[in-house]
Amino acid sequence: MSTTQQSQHLSKQERLEQYLREQLEDGELYFKSKFIAEDVGLSPKEIGALMVKLKDSATDMNIEKWSYTSATTWRVTQS
């Protein structure tokens, strides 16, 4: 099964978690939802709502709202 086919079978939250874990392989991650929306296949609004949920449920990542300048910037690090 190709990566695209696999990601279509994942829930929205699972797709976002998978994307974040892949990006964290390079260290900490700073991003605005609107800049990763296409990569994840979600709207910026969906990403923002899911980030709030992930902040409480993801045990292997530290997620925090880092700043707000025209949109929320998220900071994600490994636990």
PDB file of N, CA and C in Angstrom:
ATOM      1  N   MET A   1       0.846  -1.171   0.000  1.00  0.00           N
ATOM      2  CA  MET A   1       0.000   0.000   0.000  1.00  0.00           C
ATOM      3  C   MET A   1       0.894   1.237   0.000  1.00  0.00           C
ATOM      4  N   SER A   2       0.621   2.193  -0.849  1.00  0.00           N
ATOM      5  CA  SER A   2       1.447   3.394  -0.933  1.00  0.00           C
ATOM      6  C   SER A   2       1.204   4.291   0.280  1.00  0.00           C
ATOM      7  N   THR A   3       2.103   5.235   0.501  1.00  0.00           N
ATOM      8  CA  THR A   3       1.976   6.164   1.620  1.00  0.00           C
ATOM      9  C   THR A   3       0.696   6.975   1.496  1.00  0.00           C
ATOM     10  N   THR A   4       0.355   7.380   0.279  1.00  0.00           N
ATOM     11  CA  THR A   4      -0.873   8.140   0.061  1.00  0.00           C
ATOM     12  C   THR A   4      -2.092   7.312   0.437  1.00  0.00           C
ATOM     13  N   GLN A   5      -2.109   6.047   0.034  1.00  0.00           N
ATOM     14  CA  GLN A   5      -3.230   5.181   0.376  1.00  0.00           C
ATOM     15  C   GLN A   5      -3.299   4.952   1.877  1.00  0.00           C
ATOM     16  N   GLN A   6      -2.156   4.782   2.514  1.00  0.00           N
ATOM     17  CA  GLN A   6      -2.132   4.581   3.956  1.00  0.00           C
ATOM     18  C   GLN A   6      -2.679   5.803   4.674  1.00  0.00           C
ATOM     19  N   SER A   7      -2.266   7.002   4.254  1.00  0.00           N
ATOM     20  CA  SER A   7      -2.704   8.211   4.941  1.00  0.00           C
ATOM     21  C   SER A   7      -4.194   8.454   4.751  1.00  0.00           C
ATOM     22  N   GLN A   8      -4.785   7.952   3.662  1.00  0.00           N
ATOM     23  CA  GLN A   8      -6.215   8.107   3.456  1.00  0.00           C
ATOM     24  C   GLN A   8      -7.008   7.260   4.439  1.00  0.00           C
ATOM     25  N   HIS A   9      -6.404   6.211   4.978  1.00  0.00           N
ATOM     26  CA  HIS A   9      -7.092   5.335   5.916  1.00  0.00           C
ATOM     27  C   HIS A   9      -6.895   5.771   7.366  1.00  0.00           C
ATOM     28  N   LEU A  10      -6.050   6.743   7.602  1.00  0.00           N
ATOM     29  CA  LEU A  10      -5.824   7.242   8.947  1.00  0.00           C
ATOM     30  C   LEU A  10      -6.847   8.322   9.278  1.00  0.00           C
ATOM     31  N   SER A  11      -7.154   8.472  10.565  1.00  0.00           N
ATOM     32  CA  SER A  11      -8.034   9.563  10.971  1.00  0.00           C
ATOM     33  C   SER A  11      -7.281  10.881  10.808  1.00  0.00           C
ATOM     34  N   LYS A  12      -7.997  11.963  10.877  1.00  0.00           N
ATOM     35  CA  LYS A  12      -7.366  13.282  10.745  1.00  0.00           C
ATOM     36  C   LYS A  12      -6.305  13.475  11.815  1.00  0.00           C
ATOM     37  N   GLN A  13      -6.629  13.093  13.040  1.00  0.00           N
ATOM     38  CA  GLN A  13      -5.674  13.248  14.136  1.00  0.00           C
ATOM     39  C   GLN A  13      -4.442  12.368  13.907  1.00  0.00           C
ATOM     40  N   GLU A  14      -4.640  11.150  13.448  1.00  0.00           N
ATOM     41  CA  GLU A  14      -3.514  10.241  13.192  1.00  0.00           C
ATOM     42  C   GLU A  14      -2.614  10.791  12.080  1.00  0.00           C
ATOM     43  N   ARG A  15      -3.227  11.378  11.037  1.00  0.00           N
ATOM     44  CA  ARG A  15      -2.421  11.961   9.952  1.00  0.00           C
ATOM     45  C   ARG A  15      -1.563  13.099  10.471  1.00  0.00           C
ATOM     46  N   LEU A  16      -2.154  13.953  11.313  1.00  0.00           N
ATOM     47  CA  LEU A  16      -1.407  15.080  11.861  1.00  0.00           C
ATOM     48  C   LEU A  16      -0.292  14.589  12.782  1.00  0.00           C
ATOM     49  N   GLU A  17      -0.593  13.620  13.636  1.00  0.00           N
ATOM     50  CA  GLU A  17       0.424  13.056  14.533  1.00  0.00           C
ATOM     51  C   GLU A  17       1.585  12.455  13.736  1.00  0.00           C
ATOM     52  N   GLN A  18       1.257  11.706  12.711  1.00  0.00           N
ATOM     53  CA  GLN A  18       2.281  11.089  11.876  1.00  0.00           C
ATOM     54  C   GLN A  18       3.171  12.162  11.235  1.00  0.00           C
ATOM     55  N   TYR A  19       2.561  13.194  10.714  1.00  0.00           N
ATOM     56  CA  TYR A  19       3.307  14.289  10.088  1.00  0.00           C
ATOM     57  C   TYR A  19       4.238  14.948  11.104  1.00  0.00           C
ATOM     58  N   LEU A  20       3.727  15.243  12.291  1.00  0.00           N
ATOM     59  CA  LEU A  20       4.533  15.897  13.312  1.00  0.00           C
ATOM     60  C   LEU A  20       5.716  15.025  13.732  1.00  0.00           C
ATOM     61  N   ARG A  21       5.474  13.736  13.910  1.00  0.00           N
ATOM     62  CA  ARG A  21       6.573  12.830  14.296  1.00  0.00           C
ATOM     63  C   ARG A  21       7.648  12.770  13.217  1.00  0.00           C
ATOM     64  N   GLU A  22       7.235  12.747  11.953  1.00  0.00           N
ATOM     65  CA  GLU A  22       8.209  12.740  10.857  1.00  0.00           C
ATOM     66  C   GLU A  22       9.036  14.019  10.858  1.00  0.00           C
ATOM     67  N   GLN A  23       8.398  15.152  11.101  1.00  0.00           N
ATOM     68  CA  GLN A  23       9.102  16.430  11.111  1.00  0.00           C
ATOM     69  C   GLN A  23      10.005  16.569  12.336  1.00  0.00           C
ATOM     70  N   LEU A  24       9.634  15.933  13.427  1.00  0.00           N
ATOM     71  CA  LEU A  24      10.427  16.015  14.656  1.00  0.00           C
ATOM     72  C   LEU A  24      11.727  15.235  14.579  1.00  0.00           C
ATOM     73  N   GLU A  25      11.882  14.408  13.572  1.00  0.00           N
ATOM     74  CA  GLU A  25      13.139  13.677  13.418  1.00  0.00           C
ATOM     75  C   GLU A  25      14.303  14.645  13.241  1.00  0.00           C
ATOM     76  N   ASP A  26      14.015  15.858  12.780  1.00  0.00           N
ATOM     77  CA  ASP A  26      15.047  16.881  12.586  1.00  0.00           C
ATOM     78  C   ASP A  26      15.215  17.767  13.815  1.00  0.00           C
ATOM     79  N   GLY A  27      14.485  17.509  14.885  1.00  0.00           N
ATOM     80  CA  GLY A  27      14.570  18.328  16.098  1.00  0.00           C
ATOM     81  C   GLY A  27      13.251  19.031  16.354  1.00  0.00           C
ATOM     82  N   GLU A  28      13.294  20.180  17.014  1.00  0.00           N
ATOM     83  CA  GLU A  28      12.052  20.876  17.315  1.00  0.00           C
ATOM     84  C   GLU A  28      11.435  21.472  16.057  1.00  0.00           C
ATOM     85  N   LEU A  29      10.145  21.725  16.151  1.00  0.00           N
ATOM     86  CA  LEU A  29       9.375  22.159  14.995  1.00  0.00           C
ATOM     87  C   LEU A  29       8.543  23.373  15.373  1.00  0.00           C
ATOM     88  N   TYR A  30       8.608  24.408  14.560  1.00  0.00           N
ATOM     89  CA  TYR A  30       7.756  25.583  14.691  1.00  0.00           C
ATOM     90  C   TYR A  30       6.960  25.691  13.396  1.00  0.00           C
ATOM     91  N   PHE A  31       5.656  25.914  13.494  1.00  0.00           N
ATOM     92  CA  PHE A  31       4.867  26.035  12.272  1.00  0.00           C
ATOM     93  C   PHE A  31       3.567  26.772  12.516  1.00  0.00           C
ATOM     94  N   LYS A  32       3.018  27.298  11.441  1.00  0.00           N
ATOM     95  CA  LYS A  32       1.664  27.848  11.425  1.00  0.00           C
ATOM     96  C   LYS A  32       0.817  26.864  10.635  1.00  0.00           C
ATOM     97  N   SER A  33      -0.392  26.633  11.101  1.00  0.00           N
ATOM     98  CA  SER A  33      -1.275  25.643  10.484  1.00  0.00           C
ATOM     99  C   SER A  33      -1.455  25.873   8.992  1.00  0.00           C
ATOM    100  N   LYS A  34      -1.548  27.134   8.590  1.00  0.00           N
ATOM    101  CA  LYS A  34      -1.804  27.415   7.180  1.00  0.00           C
ATOM    102  C   LYS A  34      -0.655  26.971   6.278  1.00  0.00           C
ATOM    103  N   PHE A  35       0.538  26.826   6.831  1.00  0.00           N
ATOM    104  CA  PHE A  35       1.686  26.435   6.021  1.00  0.00           C
ATOM    105  C   PHE A  35       1.860  24.918   5.896  1.00  0.00           C
ATOM    106  N   ILE A  36       1.201  24.152   6.756  1.00  0.00           N
ATOM    107  CA  ILE A  36       1.312  22.691   6.647  1.00  0.00           C
ATOM    108  C   ILE A  36       0.008  22.050   6.194  1.00  0.00           C
ATOM    109  N   ALA A  37      -1.037  22.847   6.035  1.00  0.00           N
ATOM    110  CA  ALA A  37      -2.369  22.322   5.715  1.00  0.00           C
ATOM    111  C   ALA A  37      -2.358  21.422   4.484  1.00  0.00           C
ATOM    112  N   GLU A  38      -1.708  21.853   3.424  1.00  0.00           N
ATOM    113  CA  GLU A  38      -1.686  21.058   2.200  1.00  0.00           C
ATOM    114  C   GLU A  38      -0.918  19.750   2.408  1.00  0.00           C
ATOM    115  N   ASP A  39       0.187  19.811   3.146  1.00  0.00           N
ATOM    116  CA  ASP A  39       0.988  18.613   3.402  1.00  0.00           C
ATOM    117  C   ASP A  39       0.198  17.548   4.162  1.00  0.00           C
ATOM    118  N   VAL A  40      -0.660  17.990   5.058  1.00  0.00           N
ATOM    119  CA  VAL A  40      -1.409  17.079   5.910  1.00  0.00           C
ATOM    120  C   VAL A  40      -2.780  16.738   5.313  1.00  0.00           C
ATOM    121  N   GLY A  41      -3.244  17.550   4.404  1.00  0.00           N
ATOM    122  CA  GLY A  41      -4.554  17.313   3.806  1.00  0.00           C
ATOM    123  C   GLY A  41      -5.703  17.746   4.696  1.00  0.00           C
ATOM    124  N   LEU A  42      -5.448  18.764   5.515  1.00  0.00           N
ATOM    125  CA  LEU A  42      -6.459  19.303   6.422  1.00  0.00           C
ATOM    126  C   LEU A  42      -6.515  20.814   6.272  1.00  0.00           C
ATOM    127  N   SER A  43      -7.592  21.406   6.746  1.00  0.00           N
ATOM    128  CA  SER A  43      -7.675  22.860   6.729  1.00  0.00           C
ATOM    129  C   SER A  43      -6.908  23.417   7.928  1.00  0.00           C
ATOM    130  N   PRO A  44      -6.462  24.667   7.854  1.00  0.00           N
ATOM    131  CA  PRO A  44      -5.787  25.267   9.012  1.00  0.00           C
ATOM    132  C   PRO A  44      -6.657  25.232  10.271  1.00  0.00           C
ATOM    133  N   LYS A  45      -7.953  25.409  10.107  1.00  0.00           N
ATOM    134  CA  LYS A  45      -8.863  25.378  11.253  1.00  0.00           C
ATOM    135  C   LYS A  45      -8.897  23.986  11.881  1.00  0.00           C
ATOM    136  N   GLU A  46      -8.919  22.950  11.047  1.00  0.00           N
ATOM    137  CA  GLU A  46      -8.906  21.577  11.558  1.00  0.00           C
ATOM    138  C   GLU A  46      -7.608  21.299  12.305  1.00  0.00           C
ATOM    139  N   ILE A  47      -6.495  21.761  11.753  1.00  0.00           N
ATOM    140  CA  ILE A  47      -5.198  21.549  12.401  1.00  0.00           C
ATOM    141  C   ILE A  47      -5.174  22.227  13.763  1.00  0.00           C
ATOM    142  N   GLY A  48      -5.649  23.463  13.834  1.00  0.00           N
ATOM    143  CA  GLY A  48      -5.677  24.180  15.112  1.00  0.00           C
ATOM    144  C   GLY A  48      -6.482  23.443  16.162  1.00  0.00           C
ATOM    145  N   ALA A  49      -7.647  22.939  15.779  1.00  0.00           N
ATOM    146  CA  ALA A  49      -8.486  22.196  16.729  1.00  0.00           C
ATOM    147  C   ALA A  49      -7.810  20.901  17.158  1.00  0.00           C
ATOM    148  N   LEU A  50      -7.170  20.220  16.229  1.00  0.00           N
ATOM    149  CA  LEU A  50      -6.498  18.964  16.559  1.00  0.00           C
ATOM    150  C   LEU A  50      -5.259  19.197  17.425  1.00  0.00           C
ATOM    151  N   MET A  51      -4.574  20.309  17.217  1.00  0.00           N
ATOM    152  CA  MET A  51      -3.382  20.604  18.029  1.00  0.00           C
ATOM    153  C   MET A  51      -3.761  20.757  19.493  1.00  0.00           C
ATOM    154  N   VAL A  52      -4.914  21.360  19.764  1.00  0.00           N
ATOM    155  CA  VAL A  52      -5.375  21.503  21.144  1.00  0.00           C
ATOM    156  C   VAL A  52      -5.608  20.125  21.760  1.00  0.00           C
ATOM    157  N   LYS A  53      -6.202  19.214  20.997  1.00  0.00           N
ATOM    158  CA  LYS A  53      -6.425  17.841  21.491  1.00  0.00           C
ATOM    159  C   LYS A  53      -5.099  17.112  21.688  1.00  0.00           C
ATOM    160  N   LEU A  54      -4.204  17.250  20.714  1.00  0.00           N
ATOM    161  CA  LEU A  54      -2.914  16.559  20.796  1.00  0.00           C
ATOM    162  C   LEU A  54      -2.083  17.059  21.974  1.00  0.00           C
ATOM    163  N   LYS A  55      -2.234  18.318  22.298  1.00  0.00           N
ATOM    164  CA  LYS A  55      -1.489  18.900  23.409  1.00  0.00           C
ATOM    165  C   LYS A  55      -1.719  18.104  24.696  1.00  0.00           C
ATOM    166  N   ASP A  56      -2.940  17.604  24.863  1.00  0.00           N
ATOM    167  CA  ASP A  56      -3.286  16.842  26.060  1.00  0.00           C
ATOM    168  C   ASP A  56      -3.058  15.340  25.921  1.00  0.00           C
ATOM    169  N   SER A  57      -3.116  14.822  24.682  1.00  0.00           N
ATOM    170  CA  SER A  57      -3.086  13.367  24.517  1.00  0.00           C
ATOM    171  C   SER A  57      -1.750  12.787  24.033  1.00  0.00           C
ATOM    172  N   ALA A  58      -0.950  13.548  23.329  1.00  0.00           N
ATOM    173  CA  ALA A  58       0.313  13.014  22.801  1.00  0.00           C
ATOM    174  C   ALA A  58       1.355  12.976  23.910  1.00  0.00           C
ATOM    175  N   THR A  59       1.773  11.782  24.280  1.00  0.00           N
ATOM    176  CA  THR A  59       2.710  11.640  25.394  1.00  0.00           C
ATOM    177  C   THR A  59       4.174  11.737  24.957  1.00  0.00           C
ATOM    178  N   ASP A  60       4.439  11.579  23.666  1.00  0.00           N
ATOM    179  CA  ASP A  60       5.822  11.609  23.193  1.00  0.00           C
ATOM    180  C   ASP A  60       6.209  12.952  22.568  1.00  0.00           C
ATOM    181  N   MET A  61       5.288  13.935  22.647  1.00  0.00           N
ATOM    182  CA  MET A  61       5.561  15.260  22.096  1.00  0.00           C
ATOM    183  C   MET A  61       5.123  16.327  23.080  1.00  0.00           C
ATOM    184  N   ASN A  62       5.887  17.393  23.161  1.00  0.00           N
ATOM    185  CA  ASN A  62       5.482  18.577  23.915  1.00  0.00           C
ATOM    186  C   ASN A  62       4.949  19.580  22.903  1.00  0.00           C
ATOM    187  N   ILE A  63       3.727  20.018  23.095  1.00  0.00           N
ATOM    188  CA  ILE A  63       3.079  20.930  22.152  1.00  0.00           C
ATOM    189  C   ILE A  63       2.664  22.180  22.908  1.00  0.00           C
ATOM    190  N   GLU A  64       3.037  23.329  22.364  1.00  0.00           N
ATOM    191  CA  GLU A  64       2.631  24.584  22.992  1.00  0.00           C
ATOM    192  C   GLU A  64       2.366  25.655  21.945  1.00  0.00           C
ATOM    193  N   LYS A  65       1.441  26.537  22.292  1.00  0.00           N
ATOM    194  CA  LYS A  65       1.226  27.707  21.460  1.00  0.00           C
ATOM    195  C   LYS A  65       2.419  28.614  21.713  1.00  0.00           C
ATOM    196  N   TRP A  66       3.148  28.936  20.673  1.00  0.00           N
ATOM    197  CA  TRP A  66       4.385  29.673  20.849  1.00  0.00           C
ATOM    198  C   TRP A  66       4.172  31.169  20.730  1.00  0.00           C
ATOM    199  N   SER A  67       3.462  31.601  19.713  1.00  0.00           N
ATOM    200  CA  SER A  67       3.185  33.024  19.546  1.00  0.00           C
ATOM    201  C   SER A  67       1.982  33.203  18.641  1.00  0.00           C
ATOM    202  N   TYR A  68       1.523  34.430  18.560  1.00  0.00           N
ATOM    203  CA  TYR A  68       0.418  34.731  17.664  1.00  0.00           C
ATOM    204  C   TYR A  68       0.746  36.002  16.901  1.00  0.00           C
ATOM    205  N   THR A  69       0.982  35.846  15.617  1.00  0.00           N
ATOM    206  CA  THR A  69       1.196  36.962  14.706  1.00  0.00           C
ATOM    207  C   THR A  69       0.461  36.598  13.431  1.00  0.00           C
ATOM    208  N   SER A  70      -0.728  37.072  13.277  1.00  0.00           N
ATOM    209  CA  SER A  70      -1.626  36.791  12.154  1.00  0.00           C
ATOM    210  C   SER A  70      -2.111  35.347  12.121  1.00  0.00           C
ATOM    211  N   ALA A  71      -1.580  34.494  12.938  1.00  0.00           N
ATOM    212  CA  ALA A  71      -2.033  33.106  13.120  1.00  0.00           C
ATOM    213  C   ALA A  71      -1.171  32.494  14.216  1.00  0.00           C
ATOM    214  N   THR A  72      -1.691  31.466  14.861  1.00  0.00           N
ATOM    215  CA  THR A  72      -0.941  30.813  15.938  1.00  0.00           C
ATOM    216  C   THR A  72       0.277  30.094  15.393  1.00  0.00           C
ATOM    217  N   THR A  73       1.410  30.298  16.039  1.00  0.00           N
ATOM    218  CA  THR A  73       2.605  29.510  15.738  1.00  0.00           C
ATOM    219  C   THR A  73       2.691  28.450  16.827  1.00  0.00           C
ATOM    220  N   TRP A  74       2.843  27.212  16.390  1.00  0.00           N
ATOM    221  CA  TRP A  74       2.954  26.082  17.302  1.00  0.00           C
ATOM    222  C   TRP A  74       4.408  25.660  17.424  1.00  0.00           C
ATOM    223  N   ARG A  75       4.796  25.270  18.629  1.00  0.00           N
ATOM    224  CA  ARG A  75       6.130  24.719  18.861  1.00  0.00           C
ATOM    225  C   ARG A  75       5.935  23.282  19.329  1.00  0.00           C
ATOM    226  N   VAL A  76       6.624  22.360  18.665  1.00  0.00           N
ATOM    227  CA  VAL A  76       6.524  20.943  19.012  1.00  0.00           C
ATOM    228  C   VAL A  76       7.937  20.404  19.234  1.00  0.00           C
ATOM    229  N   THR A  77       8.136  19.738  20.346  1.00  0.00           N
ATOM    230  CA  THR A  77       9.414  19.115  20.662  1.00  0.00           C
ATOM    231  C   THR A  77       9.151  17.686  21.124  1.00  0.00           C
ATOM    232  N   GLN A  78      10.195  16.902  21.131  1.00  0.00           N
ATOM    233  CA  GLN A  78      10.071  15.529  21.623  1.00  0.00           C
ATOM    234  C   GLN A  78      10.103  15.546  23.143  1.00  0.00           C
ATOM    235  N   SER A  79       9.352  14.640  23.742  1.00  0.00           N
ATOM    236  CA  SER A  79       9.336  14.541  25.221  1.00  0.00           C
ATOM    237  C   SER A  79      10.578  13.835  25.701  1.00  0.00           C
TER     238      SER A  79
END
